[in-house]
Amino acid sequence: MAEKYVLTLDIGTTTIRSFIYNSKAETVGSAVDQVVLHYPSPGFVEIDPDELWNSIKQIVANSLKDANLTAAQISAMGISTLRSTFITWSRETGKPFHRFITWKDLRADKLVNQWNESYTWKLFKAGAYVLYLIMRSQKFRAGSVLKFMNTQTTLRLSWALQNIEPLREAVKKDDVMFGTLDTWLLHKLTGGKIHVTDVSSASATGFFDPFCMQWGGWALGLFKIPRGVLPEVVDTAGEHFGSTTPDIWGKPIPIRSCMADQTASMWGSCCFDVGDVKLTMGTGTFFNINTGSVPHANVSGLYPIVGWRLGSELVYSAEGSNNDTASIIKWAQNLGLFDNPQDSAEIAESVPDSDGVYFIPAFSGLGAPYNDGSAASGFVGMKPSTTKAHLVRAVLESLAFRIAQLYNCVRAENSYEFNIIRVDGGVSNNDFIAQLVADLTGLRVERPLHTEMSSLGCAHVVGLQLGIWKSKEELKSLRKVECVFNPRPQVKKAYEVTCSRWEDAVKRMCGWYIANRSSQSINTVSDSSSNSFTPQNSFKVNSKKKRNSKHSK
């Protein structure tokens, strides 16, 4: 029997990965490249579609070469992409009206805050709460505490529809197609034949109703989003994704799955049962719990998303997130705190504590339980005795503290019994952070042999579609754990005062940028770009300086 090969394409915020797996879920070929992020104006974080398309084509070709295979030998491919990053393009010409506006983009920050504080939105939430009291519907309970965030697509799309003139004119002519990155990529790969998105990517936009499983009519009307520009919402896997055109890699490759990266990560970690928990520590941190067939109605800031839909199987997830994780590590490296991120754990362990120094990881604001997009990053408590090692330890501790907070939110809103956290993502390779997460949560932390779970999750779903693997139980048997971190109760107790002081420091940094909003102007579109790494809130600090520069556009 001929070997079957599955190709996966995983596009994250900072990297593109292509892996080829055999029927034993072993990697036989791979290739990696960096995503180029552009920062044309304060608060803007963009990806150029042409640059991305060229990189995608080359990365897949490189992985085929690495595996010594041709496109004709690939049984099928699966795709996972970052969420809430979107683009619009002409239905007639296929040309984009702007670059990808990423999930880390802050251009709509003013709109986000205006809407959250508006009487219209407060009335909406009050009405939802009254309906919840009358009907006891979890949908209305969730609506009563719903808050807009920059990471959602909704208000960034609203900003684009208001501020990009060619897009506004094209909407009047019904010449616009909208898509998150998965939608655009499928459109490109199939030669423009399909305009679809799967349920997991749609549910992360902010204007898809996970309770009704359709685009939310109230949101479209409220923000004047034309329904005609939106893609069809389909299952996470199946034949509806078509095949790649033969001119891209020489032969057509069937596409059998396309999903959001966090869904793919859940599949890679085999989080198939209700109560299963996975923790992705990549560019940001994403804490997901499988809630089965019931969407989660949040109170503290966790939000309900669709995990996946495969025919009659519909699985939801409750998610908490922190927008900055690997980006914090990269910033600390650029600051000169260490030369190699792999050295950071050893440096942190070289001192017994942080000497009273605390770091707040909020370059893109803070998620649950604060849900504060105006929070600032910073060190608190530095003194003459502070060394570089203390700063490194404070940075790593802060990432573990945020994860512990997300876990506490999960515990407060669910009655599940938790025993294991399955981690993945590049930062999960940091032993100091992984062990401290185990200590603070009291749960066993399992790190897999290979931490790129999104790629493996894609392969799992495609392999089930092809019959390479027969069941989820078989997939579980293929899972390989590299290291287990067991909780140390004495360490958790020793950290009680430290965590309390850190939380006090965080509260001091919440709302930091509210006073500066009126002086921040980020509502312009620029063609200039800079590819250097820049923490997002640093745009706000430097915006005045940039406007005063004689070289500013």
Protein backbone atom coordinates (compact mmCIF):
# COMPACT_ATOMS: atom_id res chain seq x y z
CA MET A 1 0.00 0.00 0.00
CA ALA A 2 1.41 3.37 -1.05
CA GLU A 3 2.37 5.78 1.73
CA LYS A 4 0.02 8.73 2.19
CA TYR A 5 1.44 12.15 2.90
CA VAL A 6 -0.32 15.14 4.46
CA LEU A 7 0.99 18.67 3.97
CA THR A 8 0.14 21.39 6.49
CA LEU A 9 0.51 25.14 6.14
CA ASP A 10 0.52 27.09 9.41
CA ILE A 11 0.55 30.88 9.21
CA GLY A 12 1.07 32.67 12.50
CA THR A 13 1.66 36.28 13.45
CA THR A 14 5.43 36.03 13.06
CA THR A 15 6.16 32.74 11.23
CA ILE A 16 5.00 30.59 8.33
CA ARG A 17 5.55 26.85 8.64
CA SER A 18 4.98 24.01 6.23
CA PHE A 19 5.24 20.41 7.45
CA ILE A 20 4.77 17.12 5.63
CA TYR A 21 3.68 14.10 7.69
CA ASN A 22 3.56 10.40 6.90
CA SER A 23 0.88 7.94 8.08
CA LYS A 24 2.65 7.60 11.47
CA ALA A 25 2.32 11.36 12.06
CA GLU A 26 6.09 11.69 11.65
CA THR A 27 7.59 14.76 10.01
CA VAL A 28 9.33 13.90 6.74
CA GLY A 29 9.83 17.45 5.47
CA SER A 30 9.51 21.00 6.71
CA ALA A 31 10.32 24.64 6.02
CA VAL A 32 9.95 27.86 8.02
CA ASP A 33 10.00 31.55 7.17
CA GLN A 34 9.28 34.80 8.95
CA VAL A 35 6.18 36.94 8.44
CA VAL A 36 7.17 40.53 7.68
CA LEU A 37 5.15 42.94 9.82
CA HIS A 38 4.81 46.56 8.73
CA TYR A 39 4.28 49.51 11.08
CA PRO A 40 3.42 52.41 8.74
CA SER A 41 1.83 54.65 11.39
CA PRO A 42 1.47 54.69 15.18
CA GLY A 43 -0.75 51.78 16.17
CA PHE A 44 -0.82 50.19 12.70
CA VAL A 45 0.40 46.57 12.36
CA GLU A 46 0.06 45.22 8.82
CA ILE A 47 1.08 42.36 6.54
CA ASP A 48 1.61 42.92 2.82
CA PRO A 49 -0.49 40.35 0.88
CA ASP A 50 1.95 40.05 -2.03
CA GLU A 51 4.89 39.44 0.29
CA LEU A 52 2.88 36.86 2.22
CA TRP A 53 1.71 35.07 -0.94
CA ASN A 54 5.24 34.80 -2.30
CA SER A 55 6.51 33.48 1.03
CA ILE A 56 3.73 30.89 1.23
CA LYS A 57 4.48 29.56 -2.25
CA GLN A 58 8.19 29.32 -1.51
CA ILE A 59 7.79 27.73 1.93
CA VAL A 60 5.56 24.92 0.63
CA ALA A 61 7.95 24.33 -2.27
CA ASN A 62 10.85 24.16 0.19
CA SER A 63 9.04 21.63 2.40
CA LEU A 64 8.34 19.43 -0.63
CA LYS A 65 11.99 19.61 -1.58
CA ASP A 66 13.04 18.80 1.99
CA ALA A 67 10.80 15.70 1.93
CA ASN A 68 12.00 14.77 -1.57
CA LEU A 69 8.38 14.70 -2.73
CA THR A 70 6.31 16.36 -5.45
CA ALA A 71 2.89 17.94 -5.15
CA ALA A 72 1.44 14.91 -6.96
CA GLN A 73 2.51 12.68 -4.05
CA ILE A 74 0.62 14.74 -1.44
CA SER A 75 -2.71 13.13 -0.56
CA ALA A 76 -4.18 16.37 0.79
CA MET A 77 -3.28 19.51 2.71
CA GLY A 78 -4.62 21.36 5.73
CA ILE A 79 -4.31 25.02 6.67
CA SER A 80 -4.27 26.84 9.99
CA THR A 81 -4.03 30.60 10.26
CA LEU A 82 -3.91 33.36 12.82
CA ARG A 83 -7.34 34.80 13.59
CA SER A 84 -8.98 38.21 13.26
CA THR A 85 -6.39 39.43 10.73
CA PHE A 86 -8.36 40.58 7.69
CA ILE A 87 -8.23 42.12 4.25
CA THR A 88 -10.72 43.36 1.65
CA TRP A 89 -10.34 43.09 -2.10
CA SER A 90 -12.17 43.84 -5.34
CA ARG A 91 -14.66 41.22 -6.45
CA GLU A 92 -14.00 42.25 -10.05
CA THR A 93 -10.20 42.64 -10.21
CA GLY A 94 -9.01 40.69 -7.16
CA LYS A 95 -6.84 43.61 -6.06
CA PRO A 96 -6.76 44.44 -2.33
CA PHE A 97 -7.90 47.80 -1.02
CA HIS A 98 -5.32 47.72 1.78
CA ARG A 99 -2.81 45.46 3.48
CA PHE A 100 -3.84 42.86 6.02
CA ILE A 101 -4.88 44.62 9.23
CA THR A 102 -3.61 42.28 11.94
CA TRP A 103 -5.13 41.31 15.28
CA LYS A 104 -2.40 43.30 17.05
CA ASP A 105 -3.36 46.52 15.23
CA LEU A 106 -4.54 49.43 17.41
CA ARG A 107 -5.86 51.86 14.80
CA ALA A 108 -9.45 51.40 15.98
CA ASP A 109 -8.58 52.00 19.65
CA LYS A 110 -10.53 55.26 19.73
CA LEU A 111 -13.61 53.55 18.26
CA VAL A 112 -13.27 50.65 20.71
CA ASN A 113 -13.29 52.98 23.68
CA GLN A 114 -16.05 55.18 22.31
CA TRP A 115 -18.32 52.19 21.79
CA ASN A 116 -17.57 50.60 25.15
CA GLU A 117 -18.45 53.87 26.88
CA SER A 118 -21.41 54.77 24.67
CA TYR A 119 -24.99 54.93 25.97
CA THR A 120 -26.05 52.80 23.01
CA TRP A 121 -23.81 49.94 24.09
CA LYS A 122 -24.64 50.28 27.77
CA LEU A 123 -28.34 50.14 26.86
CA PHE A 124 -27.67 47.06 24.72
CA LYS A 125 -25.97 45.28 27.61
CA ALA A 126 -28.67 46.29 30.08
CA GLY A 127 -31.32 44.95 27.73
CA ALA A 128 -29.41 41.70 27.34
CA TYR A 129 -29.24 41.32 31.12
CA VAL A 130 -32.99 41.87 31.49
CA LEU A 131 -33.61 39.22 28.81
CA TYR A 132 -31.27 36.88 30.67
CA LEU A 133 -33.23 37.35 33.90
CA ILE A 134 -36.48 36.60 32.07
CA MET A 135 -35.39 33.80 29.75
CA ARG A 136 -32.28 32.45 31.52
CA SER A 137 -30.60 32.17 28.14
CA GLN A 138 -26.81 31.94 28.28
CA LYS A 139 -26.65 33.92 25.05
CA PHE A 140 -28.12 36.99 26.77
CA ARG A 141 -25.92 36.46 29.83
CA ALA A 142 -22.88 36.64 27.56
CA GLY A 143 -24.29 39.72 25.81
CA SER A 144 -24.79 41.53 29.12
CA VAL A 145 -21.03 41.65 29.75
CA LEU A 146 -19.81 41.83 26.15
CA LYS A 147 -16.95 44.26 25.65
CA PHE A 148 -15.25 45.37 22.46
CA MET A 149 -11.53 44.74 22.08
CA ASN A 150 -8.93 45.73 19.53
CA THR A 151 -8.18 42.06 18.88
CA GLN A 152 -11.66 41.53 17.45
CA THR A 153 -12.18 42.27 13.78
CA THR A 154 -15.40 44.25 14.23
CA LEU A 155 -14.22 47.79 14.91
CA ARG A 156 -11.05 47.51 12.82
CA LEU A 157 -13.28 46.62 9.86
CA SER A 158 -15.61 49.46 10.78
CA TRP A 159 -12.59 51.79 10.81
CA ALA A 160 -11.54 50.57 7.34
CA LEU A 161 -15.04 51.07 5.94
CA GLN A 162 -15.04 54.63 7.29
CA ASN A 163 -11.49 55.70 6.42
CA ILE A 164 -10.29 53.93 3.27
CA GLU A 165 -11.90 55.85 0.43
CA PRO A 166 -11.47 53.27 -2.40
CA LEU A 167 -13.08 50.66 -0.15
CA ARG A 168 -16.01 52.93 0.65
CA GLU A 169 -16.63 53.59 -3.04
CA ALA A 170 -16.34 49.89 -3.91
CA VAL A 171 -18.95 48.99 -1.27
CA LYS A 172 -21.44 51.26 -3.08
CA LYS A 173 -20.77 49.29 -6.28
CA ASP A 174 -21.01 45.87 -4.59
CA ASP A 175 -17.38 45.24 -5.59
CA VAL A 176 -15.97 44.16 -2.21
CA MET A 177 -15.02 40.81 -0.76
CA PHE A 178 -14.04 40.55 2.92
CA GLY A 179 -11.98 37.81 4.41
CA THR A 180 -9.83 36.89 7.35
CA LEU A 181 -6.47 35.46 6.33
CA ASP A 182 -7.87 31.95 5.78
CA THR A 183 -10.58 33.23 3.43
CA TRP A 184 -8.14 35.25 1.33
CA LEU A 185 -5.69 32.35 1.16
CA LEU A 186 -8.33 29.85 0.04
CA HIS A 187 -9.48 32.34 -2.58
CA LYS A 188 -5.90 32.64 -3.88
CA LEU A 189 -5.09 28.92 -3.75
CA THR A 190 -8.21 27.94 -5.70
CA GLY A 191 -7.85 30.61 -8.36
CA GLY A 192 -10.72 32.68 -7.00
CA LYS A 193 -13.25 29.83 -7.06
CA ILE A 194 -14.34 29.95 -3.42
CA HIS A 195 -15.12 32.61 -0.83
CA VAL A 196 -15.49 30.74 2.47
CA THR A 197 -14.30 30.62 6.06
CA ASP A 198 -14.66 27.88 8.63
CA VAL A 199 -16.65 28.23 11.85
CA SER A 200 -13.57 28.50 14.10
CA SER A 201 -12.14 31.48 12.21
CA ALA A 202 -15.54 33.15 11.82
CA SER A 203 -16.27 32.93 15.54
CA ALA A 204 -13.15 34.93 16.40
CA THR A 205 -14.15 37.99 14.35
CA GLY A 206 -16.53 39.39 16.95
CA PHE A 207 -19.54 39.60 14.63
CA PHE A 208 -20.31 35.89 14.28
CA ASP A 209 -22.91 34.61 16.74
CA PRO A 210 -21.64 31.30 18.22
CA PHE A 211 -25.03 30.66 19.82
CA CYS A 212 -26.92 30.85 16.51
CA MET A 213 -23.96 29.75 14.35
CA GLN A 214 -24.35 32.55 11.81
CA TRP A 215 -23.14 36.07 11.11
CA GLY A 216 -24.69 38.28 13.80
CA GLY A 217 -27.36 40.45 12.22
CA TRP A 218 -27.34 42.96 15.10
CA ALA A 219 -23.60 43.54 14.70
CA LEU A 220 -23.79 43.95 10.92
CA GLY A 221 -26.55 46.52 11.26
CA LEU A 222 -24.95 48.38 14.16
CA PHE A 223 -21.58 48.77 12.41
CA LYS A 224 -22.89 49.01 8.84
CA ILE A 225 -21.06 45.90 7.63
CA PRO A 226 -22.62 44.78 4.32
CA ARG A 227 -23.66 41.13 4.54
CA GLY A 228 -22.86 40.67 0.85
CA VAL A 229 -19.11 41.12 1.41
CA LEU A 230 -18.89 38.25 3.92
CA PRO A 231 -17.78 34.71 3.06
CA GLU A 232 -19.89 31.58 3.45
CA VAL A 233 -19.29 29.84 6.79
CA VAL A 234 -18.51 26.13 6.40
CA ASP A 235 -17.38 23.10 8.42
CA THR A 236 -13.79 22.85 9.61
CA ALA A 237 -13.03 19.96 7.24
CA GLY A 238 -14.42 18.51 4.04
CA GLU A 239 -14.27 18.76 0.27
CA HIS A 240 -15.77 22.27 0.16
CA PHE A 241 -12.30 23.88 0.26
CA GLY A 242 -11.47 22.70 -3.28
CA SER A 243 -7.94 22.15 -4.57
CA THR A 244 -4.95 24.35 -5.33
CA THR A 245 -4.50 25.38 -8.95
CA PRO A 246 -1.79 23.34 -10.73
CA ASP A 247 0.28 26.40 -11.64
CA ILE A 248 1.24 27.04 -7.99
CA TRP A 249 3.21 23.86 -7.13
CA GLY A 250 3.05 21.89 -10.38
CA LYS A 251 0.05 19.69 -9.56
CA PRO A 252 -3.22 20.40 -7.73
CA ILE A 253 -3.30 19.52 -4.03
CA PRO A 254 -6.72 18.82 -2.44
CA ILE A 255 -7.45 21.06 0.54
CA ARG A 256 -9.36 19.07 3.14
CA SER A 257 -9.24 21.34 6.17
CA CYS A 258 -8.87 25.00 7.07
CA MET A 259 -9.13 26.22 10.64
CA ALA A 260 -8.09 28.81 13.19
CA ASP A 261 -4.68 28.24 14.76
CA GLN A 262 -6.06 27.72 18.27
CA THR A 263 -8.46 25.05 17.02
CA ALA A 264 -5.57 23.35 15.24
CA SER A 265 -3.56 23.52 18.46
CA MET A 266 -6.39 21.83 20.38
CA TRP A 267 -6.39 19.02 17.83
CA GLY A 268 -2.63 18.69 17.98
CA SER A 269 -2.82 18.46 21.78
CA CYS A 270 -5.69 15.92 21.50
CA CYS A 271 -8.06 18.06 23.59
CA PHE A 272 -11.10 16.12 22.42
CA ASP A 273 -12.95 15.69 25.72
CA VAL A 274 -14.98 18.19 27.73
CA GLY A 275 -12.72 19.85 30.30
CA ASP A 276 -9.49 19.24 28.38
CA VAL A 277 -7.16 22.23 28.61
CA LYS A 278 -4.41 23.40 26.29
CA LEU A 279 -2.14 26.40 26.71
CA THR A 280 -0.45 27.93 23.68
CA MET A 281 2.47 30.25 24.41
CA GLY A 282 3.35 31.81 21.09
CA THR A 283 3.26 35.47 20.09
CA GLY A 284 0.44 35.67 22.63
CA THR A 285 -0.90 33.28 25.25
CA PHE A 286 -4.15 31.42 24.58
CA PHE A 287 -5.74 29.31 27.30
CA ASN A 288 -8.49 27.09 25.88
CA ILE A 289 -10.87 24.68 27.55
CA ASN A 290 -13.08 22.25 25.62
CA THR A 291 -16.68 23.00 26.71
CA GLY A 292 -18.28 20.41 24.45
CA SER A 293 -21.60 21.22 22.78
CA VAL A 294 -22.33 24.19 25.06
CA PRO A 295 -21.01 27.69 24.28
CA HIS A 296 -19.49 29.39 27.31
CA ALA A 297 -21.22 32.47 28.72
CA ASN A 298 -18.45 34.59 30.17
CA VAL A 299 -18.42 36.86 33.20
CA SER A 300 -14.77 37.65 33.91
CA GLY A 301 -13.58 38.03 30.33
CA LEU A 302 -13.30 34.53 28.92
CA TYR A 303 -15.16 34.39 25.64
CA PRO A 304 -17.00 31.64 23.79
CA ILE A 305 -15.61 30.55 20.45
CA VAL A 306 -16.37 27.65 18.17
CA GLY A 307 -13.71 24.98 18.44
CA TRP A 308 -14.73 23.03 15.34
CA ARG A 309 -17.68 21.65 13.43
CA LEU A 310 -17.39 18.35 11.60
CA GLY A 311 -20.80 17.38 10.30
CA SER A 312 -23.02 16.81 13.34
CA GLU A 313 -20.12 17.27 15.78
CA LEU A 314 -20.06 20.84 17.08
CA VAL A 315 -17.51 21.62 19.79
CA TYR A 316 -17.08 24.94 21.61
CA SER A 317 -14.18 26.37 23.56
CA ALA A 318 -13.86 28.96 26.30
CA GLU A 319 -10.79 31.09 25.74
CA GLY A 320 -8.73 33.51 27.78
CA SER A 321 -5.75 35.27 26.29
CA ASN A 322 -2.82 37.56 26.91
CA ASN A 323 -1.70 39.36 23.78
CA ASP A 324 2.01 39.49 24.57
CA THR A 325 4.18 36.46 25.29
CA ALA A 326 6.87 35.64 22.73
CA SER A 327 6.76 39.33 21.80
CA ILE A 328 7.79 40.11 25.39
CA ILE A 329 10.69 37.65 25.17
CA LYS A 330 11.79 39.20 21.88
CA TRP A 331 11.59 42.69 23.36
CA ALA A 332 13.69 41.64 26.38
CA GLN A 333 16.28 40.18 24.01
CA ASN A 334 16.37 43.38 21.95
CA LEU A 335 16.76 45.32 25.20
CA GLY A 336 19.91 43.33 25.92
CA LEU A 337 18.66 41.36 28.93
CA PHE A 338 19.96 38.18 27.26
CA ASP A 339 21.57 37.23 23.96
CA ASN A 340 19.56 34.06 23.37
CA PRO A 341 16.00 33.36 24.63
CA GLN A 342 17.15 29.84 25.50
CA ASP A 343 19.43 31.35 28.15
CA SER A 344 16.65 33.27 29.91
CA ALA A 345 15.52 30.38 32.16
CA GLU A 346 19.04 29.80 33.46
CA ILE A 347 19.53 33.54 34.07
CA ALA A 348 16.23 33.73 35.99
CA GLU A 349 17.21 30.77 38.14
CA SER A 350 20.58 32.32 38.98
CA VAL A 351 18.87 34.54 41.58
CA PRO A 352 16.48 33.34 44.33
CA ASP A 353 13.83 35.97 43.52
CA SER A 354 13.30 39.19 41.58
CA ASP A 355 14.47 41.37 44.48
CA GLY A 356 11.06 43.04 44.66
CA VAL A 357 10.98 43.95 40.96
CA TYR A 358 7.75 43.32 39.04
CA PHE A 359 7.05 43.49 35.32
CA ILE A 360 3.66 44.10 33.69
CA PRO A 361 3.44 42.40 30.23
CA ALA A 362 0.94 44.74 28.54
CA PHE A 363 2.39 46.05 25.27
CA SER A 364 -1.01 45.30 23.71
CA GLY A 365 -3.10 45.86 26.82
CA LEU A 366 -4.31 43.22 29.26
CA GLY A 367 -6.91 40.51 28.73
CA ALA A 368 -9.00 38.74 31.37
CA PRO A 369 -9.62 39.48 34.16
CA TYR A 370 -8.65 43.14 33.51
CA ASN A 371 -9.80 43.51 29.88
CA ASP A 372 -7.99 46.82 29.73
CA GLY A 373 -6.61 47.91 26.37
CA SER A 374 -5.17 51.07 27.94
CA ALA A 375 -2.86 49.27 30.40
CA ALA A 376 0.87 49.89 30.05
CA SER A 377 3.95 47.73 30.34
CA GLY A 378 6.72 48.52 32.74
CA PHE A 379 9.01 47.52 35.57
CA VAL A 380 7.94 48.47 39.09
CA GLY A 381 10.13 48.35 42.20
CA MET A 382 13.63 48.71 40.76
CA LYS A 383 16.34 49.76 43.21
CA PRO A 384 20.15 50.12 43.29
CA SER A 385 20.51 46.40 44.05
CA THR A 386 18.54 45.38 40.95
CA THR A 387 20.59 43.37 38.45
CA LYS A 388 19.94 42.16 34.95
CA ALA A 389 19.12 38.70 36.33
CA HIS A 390 16.40 40.21 38.54
CA LEU A 391 14.85 41.92 35.52
CA VAL A 392 14.91 38.69 33.51
CA ARG A 393 13.27 36.78 36.35
CA ALA A 394 10.61 39.48 36.73
CA VAL A 395 9.79 39.26 33.00
CA LEU A 396 9.47 35.45 32.99
CA GLU A 397 7.50 35.44 36.23
CA SER A 398 5.02 37.96 34.82
CA LEU A 399 4.16 35.62 31.94
CA ALA A 400 3.48 32.77 34.38
CA PHE A 401 1.45 35.09 36.62
CA ARG A 402 -0.81 36.05 33.71
CA ILE A 403 -1.37 32.38 32.87
CA ALA A 404 -2.28 31.66 36.49
CA GLN A 405 -4.82 34.50 36.32
CA LEU A 406 -6.40 33.03 33.19
CA TYR A 407 -6.63 29.65 34.91
CA ASN A 408 -8.32 31.26 37.92
CA CYS A 409 -10.88 32.80 35.54
CA VAL A 410 -11.52 29.36 34.07
CA ARG A 411 -11.98 27.82 37.52
CA ALA A 412 -14.34 30.59 38.59
CA GLU A 413 -16.61 30.10 35.59
CA ASN A 414 -16.57 26.29 35.21
CA SER A 415 -17.17 23.29 37.42
CA TYR A 416 -14.82 20.94 35.56
CA GLU A 417 -12.12 18.97 37.32
CA PHE A 418 -8.70 19.85 35.91
CA ASN A 419 -5.57 17.74 36.19
CA ILE A 420 -3.38 18.50 33.18
CA ILE A 421 -2.41 21.51 31.10
CA ARG A 422 -1.07 20.57 27.67
CA VAL A 423 1.29 23.29 26.51
CA ASP A 424 2.62 24.18 23.08
CA GLY A 425 4.22 27.11 21.30
CA GLY A 426 7.78 28.36 21.34
CA VAL A 427 7.71 29.85 24.85
CA SER A 428 6.61 26.50 26.30
CA ASN A 429 10.23 25.39 25.77
CA ASN A 430 11.22 27.69 28.63
CA ASP A 431 11.57 25.37 31.64
CA PHE A 432 11.34 28.20 34.19
CA ILE A 433 7.96 29.37 32.88
CA ALA A 434 6.58 25.85 32.38
CA GLN A 435 7.51 24.82 35.93
CA LEU A 436 6.14 28.01 37.47
CA VAL A 437 2.84 27.54 35.60
CA ALA A 438 2.60 24.05 37.13
CA ASP A 439 3.40 25.45 40.58
CA LEU A 440 0.90 28.31 40.48
CA THR A 441 -1.98 26.35 38.94
CA GLY A 442 -1.37 23.15 40.89
CA LEU A 443 -1.74 21.17 37.65
CA ARG A 444 0.64 18.85 35.87
CA VAL A 445 2.06 20.53 32.76
CA GLU A 446 2.78 18.29 29.78
CA ARG A 447 5.09 19.52 27.03
CA PRO A 448 5.07 17.54 23.78
CA LEU A 449 8.13 16.33 21.93
CA HIS A 450 7.44 18.88 19.20
CA THR A 451 5.75 22.10 20.30
CA GLU A 452 4.25 23.17 16.93
CA MET A 453 0.80 21.77 17.65
CA SER A 454 -1.08 23.83 15.05
CA SER A 455 0.68 22.04 12.21
CA LEU A 456 0.17 18.63 13.78
CA GLY A 457 -3.48 19.41 14.51
CA CYS A 458 -4.06 20.20 10.84
CA ALA A 459 -2.52 16.87 9.91
CA HIS A 460 -4.76 15.08 12.42
CA VAL A 461 -7.96 16.51 10.92
CA VAL A 462 -6.88 15.87 7.33
CA GLY A 463 -5.71 12.36 8.19
CA LEU A 464 -9.11 11.51 9.66
CA GLN A 465 -10.77 12.81 6.51
CA LEU A 466 -8.57 10.58 4.36
CA GLY A 467 -8.92 7.54 6.60
CA ILE A 468 -5.21 7.48 7.44
CA TRP A 469 -6.27 7.43 11.09
CA LYS A 470 -9.55 5.88 12.11
CA SER A 471 -10.42 7.65 15.36
CA LYS A 472 -9.47 10.28 17.90
CA GLU A 473 -8.36 7.49 20.21
CA GLU A 474 -5.79 6.45 17.62
CA LEU A 475 -4.56 10.05 17.46
CA LYS A 476 -4.16 10.08 21.24
CA SER A 477 -1.97 6.98 20.99
CA LEU A 478 0.35 8.84 18.60
CA ARG A 479 0.87 11.76 20.98
CA LYS A 480 4.45 12.04 22.26
CA VAL A 481 5.18 13.88 25.55
CA GLU A 482 8.73 15.19 25.95
CA CYS A 483 8.60 16.51 29.51
CA VAL A 484 6.24 16.68 32.49
CA PHE A 485 6.36 19.44 35.11
CA ASN A 486 4.73 18.47 38.39
CA PRO A 487 3.38 21.16 40.73
CA ARG A 488 5.30 21.96 43.91
CA PRO A 489 2.81 23.10 46.59
CA GLN A 490 5.54 24.69 48.71
CA VAL A 491 6.53 26.96 45.82
CA LYS A 492 2.94 28.13 45.30
CA LYS A 493 2.72 29.06 48.98
CA ALA A 494 6.07 30.86 48.82
CA TYR A 495 4.79 32.92 45.88
CA GLU A 496 1.61 34.13 47.58
CA VAL A 497 3.06 37.47 48.69
CA THR A 498 4.93 37.95 45.40
CA CYS A 499 1.76 37.37 43.36
CA SER A 500 -0.19 39.75 45.55
CA ARG A 501 2.43 42.49 45.16
CA TRP A 502 2.56 41.87 41.41
CA GLU A 503 -1.22 42.24 41.13
CA ASP A 504 -0.95 45.54 42.99
CA ALA A 505 1.69 46.67 40.48
CA VAL A 506 -0.59 45.68 37.58
CA LYS A 507 -3.45 47.77 38.96
CA ARG A 508 -1.14 50.80 39.01
CA MET A 509 -0.49 50.35 35.27
CA CYS A 510 -4.14 49.82 34.28
CA GLY A 511 -5.74 52.77 32.49
CA TRP A 512 -2.30 54.31 31.95
CA TYR A 513 -3.00 55.59 28.43
CA ILE A 514 -6.53 56.88 28.96
CA ALA A 515 -5.29 60.42 29.67
CA ASN A 516 -3.25 60.42 26.47
CA ARG A 517 -5.97 59.28 24.08
CA SER A 518 -7.03 62.74 23.01
CA SER A 519 -3.50 63.51 21.83
CA GLN A 520 -3.03 60.29 19.90
CA SER A 521 -3.73 60.51 16.22
CA ILE A 522 -3.66 57.15 14.49
CA ASN A 523 -6.42 57.62 11.93
CA THR A 524 -4.27 58.04 8.83
CA VAL A 525 -3.17 55.57 6.20
CA SER A 526 0.49 55.61 5.19
CA ASP A 527 2.50 53.75 2.57
CA SER A 528 5.70 53.96 4.59
CA SER A 529 6.79 50.93 6.57
CA SER A 530 9.28 49.72 9.12
CA ASN A 531 10.01 46.05 9.65
CA SER A 532 11.74 46.36 12.99
CA PHE A 533 10.18 44.87 16.11
CA THR A 534 8.20 47.51 17.97
CA PRO A 535 6.11 46.93 21.12
CA GLN A 536 2.63 48.24 20.36
CA ASN A 537 2.18 50.69 23.20
CA SER A 538 5.56 52.22 22.38
CA PHE A 539 3.80 53.73 19.35
CA LYS A 540 1.86 55.85 21.78
CA VAL A 541 4.94 57.01 23.64
CA ASN A 542 6.80 57.92 20.46
CA SER A 543 3.92 59.28 18.37
CA LYS A 544 4.49 62.91 19.34
CA LYS A 545 8.17 62.66 18.55
CA LYS A 546 7.41 61.15 15.15
CA ARG A 547 4.90 63.86 14.25
CA ASN A 548 7.43 66.57 15.09
CA SER A 549 10.16 65.03 12.96
CA LYS A 550 10.94 66.85 9.75
CA HIS A 551 11.06 63.48 8.01
CA SER A 552 7.48 62.58 8.99
CA LYS A 553 4.98 62.17 6.19
